[in-house]
Amino acid sequence: MSTPHRLKSVREGFRTKDNKKLSGINVAKQLGITPQYYYDIEKGERTLSAETASKLADIFHTTTDYLLGKTDVNIYDWVGIIEEGEFHGVKESSVPYMHEKELFNKSLELSNEDIKDTFEFKIDGRELTEEEYQRMIAAVRAERLYRDQNQK
């Protein structure tokens, strides 16, 4: 989905805490731009700047990657929303990727190599080296062994 279509779709599907829709005028006010400028962005007639994309992601509780169409999964649909230090739960809107969400929530049994090949592990924006990855796996196993031994 292109950015303009995604942006309009996200705005039209978004609900505030009071379960109200956000108008383009309201979004424009939050961004500090004119409504016409915002609607031009939504129609693809103006370029979406990184700063505006970041602000929109905050407003709509999504990621910039989702707004820009780089991913079709809005992570906030899965992990929940925290506003002003308070957890507000996951979005209960009709998530188009519900099947994937159900699969993700089920137990996933993968070998160490499958995990490494399937997922990208980054900390502080840097991908883990092979040694760091192996230490991470070893740390989880050691913690589990310790927990198992102390529960008996």
C-alpha atoms as a PDB file:
ATOM      1  CA  MET A   1       0.000   0.000   0.000  1.00  0.00           C
ATOM      2  CA  SER A   2       1.356   3.429  -0.902  1.00  0.00           C
ATOM      3  CA  THR A   3       2.093   5.983   1.802  1.00  0.00           C
ATOM      4  CA  PRO A   4      -0.836   8.322   0.994  1.00  0.00           C
ATOM      5  CA  HIS A   5      -3.330   5.444   0.984  1.00  0.00           C
ATOM      6  CA  ARG A   6      -1.843   4.003   4.180  1.00  0.00           C
ATOM      7  CA  LEU A   7      -1.918   7.385   5.912  1.00  0.00           C
ATOM      8  CA  LYS A   8      -5.567   8.012   5.050  1.00  0.00           C
ATOM      9  CA  SER A   9      -6.501   4.452   5.999  1.00  0.00           C
ATOM     10  CA  VAL A  10      -4.732   4.731   9.361  1.00  0.00           C
ATOM     11  CA  ARG A  11      -6.383   8.074  10.149  1.00  0.00           C
ATOM     12  CA  GLU A  12      -9.849   6.851   9.192  1.00  0.00           C
ATOM     13  CA  GLY A  13      -9.434   3.685  11.267  1.00  0.00           C
ATOM     14  CA  PHE A  14      -7.901   5.365  14.308  1.00  0.00           C
ATOM     15  CA  ARG A  15      -9.979   6.018  17.424  1.00  0.00           C
ATOM     16  CA  THR A  16      -9.081   8.238  20.361  1.00  0.00           C
ATOM     17  CA  LYS A  17      -9.429   7.130  23.991  1.00  0.00           C
ATOM     18  CA  ASP A  18     -12.996   8.489  23.769  1.00  0.00           C
ATOM     19  CA  ASN A  19     -13.597   6.228  20.714  1.00  0.00           C
ATOM     20  CA  LYS A  20     -13.812   9.243  18.401  1.00  0.00           C
ATOM     21  CA  LYS A  21     -12.400   9.474  14.884  1.00  0.00           C
ATOM     22  CA  LEU A  22      -9.621  11.942  14.103  1.00  0.00           C
ATOM     23  CA  SER A  23     -10.337  14.420  11.349  1.00  0.00           C
ATOM     24  CA  GLY A  24      -7.617  15.629   9.040  1.00  0.00           C
ATOM     25  CA  ILE A  25      -8.152  19.061  10.558  1.00  0.00           C
ATOM     26  CA  ASN A  26      -7.439  17.726  14.050  1.00  0.00           C
ATOM     27  CA  VAL A  27      -4.325  15.896  12.834  1.00  0.00           C
ATOM     28  CA  ALA A  28      -3.107  19.042  11.066  1.00  0.00           C
ATOM     29  CA  LYS A  29      -3.524  21.029  14.308  1.00  0.00           C
ATOM     30  CA  GLN A  30      -1.462  18.452  16.208  1.00  0.00           C
ATOM     31  CA  LEU A  31       1.235  18.663  13.527  1.00  0.00           C
ATOM     32  CA  GLY A  32       1.209  22.469  13.449  1.00  0.00           C
ATOM     33  CA  ILE A  33       0.413  22.609   9.731  1.00  0.00           C
ATOM     34  CA  THR A  34      -2.613  23.736   7.743  1.00  0.00           C
ATOM     35  CA  PRO A  35      -5.379  21.223   7.031  1.00  0.00           C
ATOM     36  CA  GLN A  36      -4.816  21.689   3.290  1.00  0.00           C
ATOM     37  CA  TYR A  37      -1.137  20.826   3.677  1.00  0.00           C
ATOM     38  CA  TYR A  38      -2.068  17.689   5.616  1.00  0.00           C
ATOM     39  CA  TYR A  39      -4.695  16.615   3.083  1.00  0.00           C
ATOM     40  CA  ASP A  40      -2.137  17.178   0.309  1.00  0.00           C
ATOM     41  CA  ILE A  41       0.206  14.761   2.115  1.00  0.00           C
ATOM     42  CA  GLU A  42      -2.668  12.253   2.424  1.00  0.00           C
ATOM     43  CA  LYS A  43      -3.369  12.543  -1.315  1.00  0.00           C
ATOM     44  CA  GLY A  44       0.314  12.174  -2.208  1.00  0.00           C
ATOM     45  CA  GLU A  45       0.550  15.692  -3.592  1.00  0.00           C
ATOM     46  CA  ARG A  46       3.164  16.709  -1.014  1.00  0.00           C
ATOM     47  CA  THR A  47       6.130  14.779   0.292  1.00  0.00           C
ATOM     48  CA  LEU A  48       6.000  13.418   3.816  1.00  0.00           C
ATOM     49  CA  SER A  49       9.061  14.653   5.711  1.00  0.00           C
ATOM     50  CA  ALA A  50      10.814  12.451   8.257  1.00  0.00           C
ATOM     51  CA  GLU A  51       9.831  14.863  11.036  1.00  0.00           C
ATOM     52  CA  THR A  52       6.150  14.802  10.042  1.00  0.00           C
ATOM     53  CA  ALA A  53       6.203  11.016   9.637  1.00  0.00           C
ATOM     54  CA  SER A  54       7.616  10.694  13.144  1.00  0.00           C
ATOM     55  CA  LYS A  55       4.932  12.978  14.593  1.00  0.00           C
ATOM     56  CA  LEU A  56       2.199  11.077  12.718  1.00  0.00           C
ATOM     57  CA  ALA A  57       3.524   7.776  14.062  1.00  0.00           C
ATOM     58  CA  ASP A  58       3.211   9.174  17.584  1.00  0.00           C
ATOM     59  CA  ILE A  59      -0.308  10.474  16.940  1.00  0.00           C
ATOM     60  CA  PHE A  60      -1.553   7.207  15.400  1.00  0.00           C
ATOM     61  CA  HIS A  61       0.387   4.854  17.721  1.00  0.00           C
ATOM     62  CA  THR A  62       2.223   3.178  14.890  1.00  0.00           C
ATOM     63  CA  THR A  63       5.695   3.033  13.433  1.00  0.00           C
ATOM     64  CA  THR A  64       7.026   5.161  10.609  1.00  0.00           C
ATOM     65  CA  ASP A  65       7.776   1.947   8.704  1.00  0.00           C
ATOM     66  CA  TYR A  66       4.084   1.065   8.829  1.00  0.00           C
ATOM     67  CA  LEU A  67       3.026   4.559   7.728  1.00  0.00           C
ATOM     68  CA  LEU A  68       5.524   4.496   4.859  1.00  0.00           C
ATOM     69  CA  GLY A  69       4.388   1.051   3.701  1.00  0.00           C
ATOM     70  CA  LYS A  70       7.724  -0.651   4.464  1.00  0.00           C
ATOM     71  CA  THR A  71       5.851  -3.208   6.579  1.00  0.00           C
ATOM     72  CA  ASP A  72       2.271  -4.366   6.560  1.00  0.00           C
ATOM     73  CA  VAL A  73       2.225  -5.116  10.266  1.00  0.00           C
ATOM     74  CA  ASN A  74       1.639  -2.357  12.793  1.00  0.00           C
ATOM     75  CA  ILE A  75       3.560  -3.593  15.819  1.00  0.00           C
ATOM     76  CA  TYR A  76       1.327  -1.555  18.148  1.00  0.00           C
ATOM     77  CA  ASP A  77      -1.617  -3.751  17.124  1.00  0.00           C
ATOM     78  CA  TRP A  78       0.308  -6.565  18.806  1.00  0.00           C
ATOM     79  CA  VAL A  79       2.210  -5.166  21.755  1.00  0.00           C
ATOM     80  CA  GLY A  80      -0.121  -2.523  23.135  1.00  0.00           C
ATOM     81  CA  ILE A  81      -0.075   1.183  23.621  1.00  0.00           C
ATOM     82  CA  ILE A  82       1.485   3.138  26.453  1.00  0.00           C
ATOM     83  CA  GLU A  83       0.460   6.777  26.825  1.00  0.00           C
ATOM     84  CA  GLU A  84       1.642   9.076  29.560  1.00  0.00           C
ATOM     85  CA  GLY A  85       3.140   6.097  31.391  1.00  0.00           C
ATOM     86  CA  GLU A  86      -0.168   4.197  31.373  1.00  0.00           C
ATOM     87  CA  PHE A  87      -0.833   0.962  29.453  1.00  0.00           C
ATOM     88  CA  HIS A  88      -3.922   1.174  27.258  1.00  0.00           C
ATOM     89  CA  GLY A  89      -3.911  -2.342  25.811  1.00  0.00           C
ATOM     90  CA  VAL A  90      -3.783  -3.493  22.242  1.00  0.00           C
ATOM     91  CA  LYS A  91      -5.952  -2.028  19.537  1.00  0.00           C
ATOM     92  CA  GLU A  92      -9.145  -3.995  19.158  1.00  0.00           C
ATOM     93  CA  SER A  93      -9.824  -2.676  15.670  1.00  0.00           C
ATOM     94  CA  SER A  94     -10.140  -5.111  12.832  1.00  0.00           C
ATOM     95  CA  VAL A  95      -6.534  -6.101  12.330  1.00  0.00           C
ATOM     96  CA  PRO A  96      -6.033  -7.308   8.732  1.00  0.00           C
ATOM     97  CA  TYR A  97      -3.229  -9.606   9.875  1.00  0.00           C
ATOM     98  CA  MET A  98      -5.123 -11.440  12.620  1.00  0.00           C
ATOM     99  CA  HIS A  99      -4.058 -14.830  11.258  1.00  0.00           C
ATOM    100  CA  GLU A 100      -0.389 -13.889  11.544  1.00  0.00           C
ATOM    101  CA  LYS A 101      -1.020 -12.507  15.027  1.00  0.00           C
ATOM    102  CA  GLU A 102      -2.553 -15.810  16.130  1.00  0.00           C
ATOM    103  CA  LEU A 103       0.390 -17.724  14.679  1.00  0.00           C
ATOM    104  CA  PHE A 104       2.841 -15.368  16.365  1.00  0.00           C
ATOM    105  CA  ASN A 105       1.170 -15.847  19.745  1.00  0.00           C
ATOM    106  CA  LYS A 106       1.354 -19.638  19.522  1.00  0.00           C
ATOM    107  CA  SER A 107       4.380 -21.554  20.684  1.00  0.00           C
ATOM    108  CA  LEU A 108       7.140 -21.308  18.136  1.00  0.00           C
ATOM    109  CA  GLU A 109       9.657 -24.132  18.158  1.00  0.00           C
ATOM    110  CA  LEU A 110      12.721 -23.295  16.083  1.00  0.00           C
ATOM    111  CA  SER A 111      16.324 -24.415  16.215  1.00  0.00           C
ATOM    112  CA  ASN A 112      19.027 -21.888  17.037  1.00  0.00           C
ATOM    113  CA  GLU A 113      19.934 -21.690  13.347  1.00  0.00           C
ATOM    114  CA  ASP A 114      16.281 -21.287  12.283  1.00  0.00           C
ATOM    115  CA  ILE A 115      15.859 -18.449  14.772  1.00  0.00           C
ATOM    116  CA  LYS A 116      19.002 -16.716  13.531  1.00  0.00           C
ATOM    117  CA  ASP A 117      18.014 -17.193   9.880  1.00  0.00           C
ATOM    118  CA  THR A 118      14.405 -16.077  10.435  1.00  0.00           C
ATOM    119  CA  PHE A 119      14.875 -13.047  12.706  1.00  0.00           C
ATOM    120  CA  GLU A 120      17.262 -10.125  12.777  1.00  0.00           C
ATOM    121  CA  PHE A 121      18.657  -9.396  16.228  1.00  0.00           C
ATOM    122  CA  LYS A 122      19.702  -5.823  16.931  1.00  0.00           C
ATOM    123  CA  ILE A 123      20.624  -4.020  20.110  1.00  0.00           C
ATOM    124  CA  ASP A 124      21.179  -0.257  20.049  1.00  0.00           C
ATOM    125  CA  GLY A 125      20.698  -0.318  16.283  1.00  0.00           C
ATOM    126  CA  ARG A 126      23.539  -2.785  15.688  1.00  0.00           C
ATOM    127  CA  GLU A 127      23.067  -6.363  14.581  1.00  0.00           C
ATOM    128  CA  LEU A 128      24.372  -8.983  16.998  1.00  0.00           C
ATOM    129  CA  THR A 129      27.587 -10.720  16.016  1.00  0.00           C
ATOM    130  CA  GLU A 130      27.654 -14.507  15.927  1.00  0.00           C
ATOM    131  CA  GLU A 131      29.434 -14.531  19.288  1.00  0.00           C
ATOM    132  CA  GLU A 132      26.861 -12.175  20.856  1.00  0.00           C
ATOM    133  CA  TYR A 133      24.025 -14.277  19.496  1.00  0.00           C
ATOM    134  CA  GLN A 134      25.534 -17.470  20.956  1.00  0.00           C
ATOM    135  CA  ARG A 135      26.028 -15.746  24.339  1.00  0.00           C
ATOM    136  CA  MET A 136      22.410 -14.615  24.285  1.00  0.00           C
ATOM    137  CA  ILE A 137      21.213 -18.208  23.703  1.00  0.00           C
ATOM    138  CA  ALA A 138      23.573 -19.469  26.420  1.00  0.00           C
ATOM    139  CA  ALA A 139      22.288 -16.841  28.880  1.00  0.00           C
ATOM    140  CA  VAL A 140      18.672 -17.895  28.323  1.00  0.00           C
ATOM    141  CA  ARG A 141      19.574 -21.565  28.780  1.00  0.00           C
ATOM    142  CA  ALA A 142      21.549 -20.826  31.946  1.00  0.00           C
ATOM    143  CA  GLU A 143      18.678 -18.794  33.397  1.00  0.00           C
ATOM    144  CA  ARG A 144      16.213 -21.596  32.645  1.00  0.00           C
ATOM    145  CA  LEU A 145      18.502 -24.217  34.193  1.00  0.00           C
ATOM    146  CA  TYR A 146      18.925 -22.061  37.312  1.00  0.00           C
ATOM    147  CA  ARG A 147      15.153 -21.513  37.576  1.00  0.00           C
ATOM    148  CA  ASP A 148      14.410 -25.226  37.088  1.00  0.00           C
ATOM    149  CA  GLN A 149      16.914 -26.237  39.745  1.00  0.00           C
ATOM    150  CA  ASN A 150      15.579 -23.724  42.266  1.00  0.00           C
ATOM    151  CA  GLN A 151      11.944 -24.662  41.768  1.00  0.00           C
ATOM    152  CA  LYS A 152      12.486 -28.262  42.898  1.00  0.00           C
END
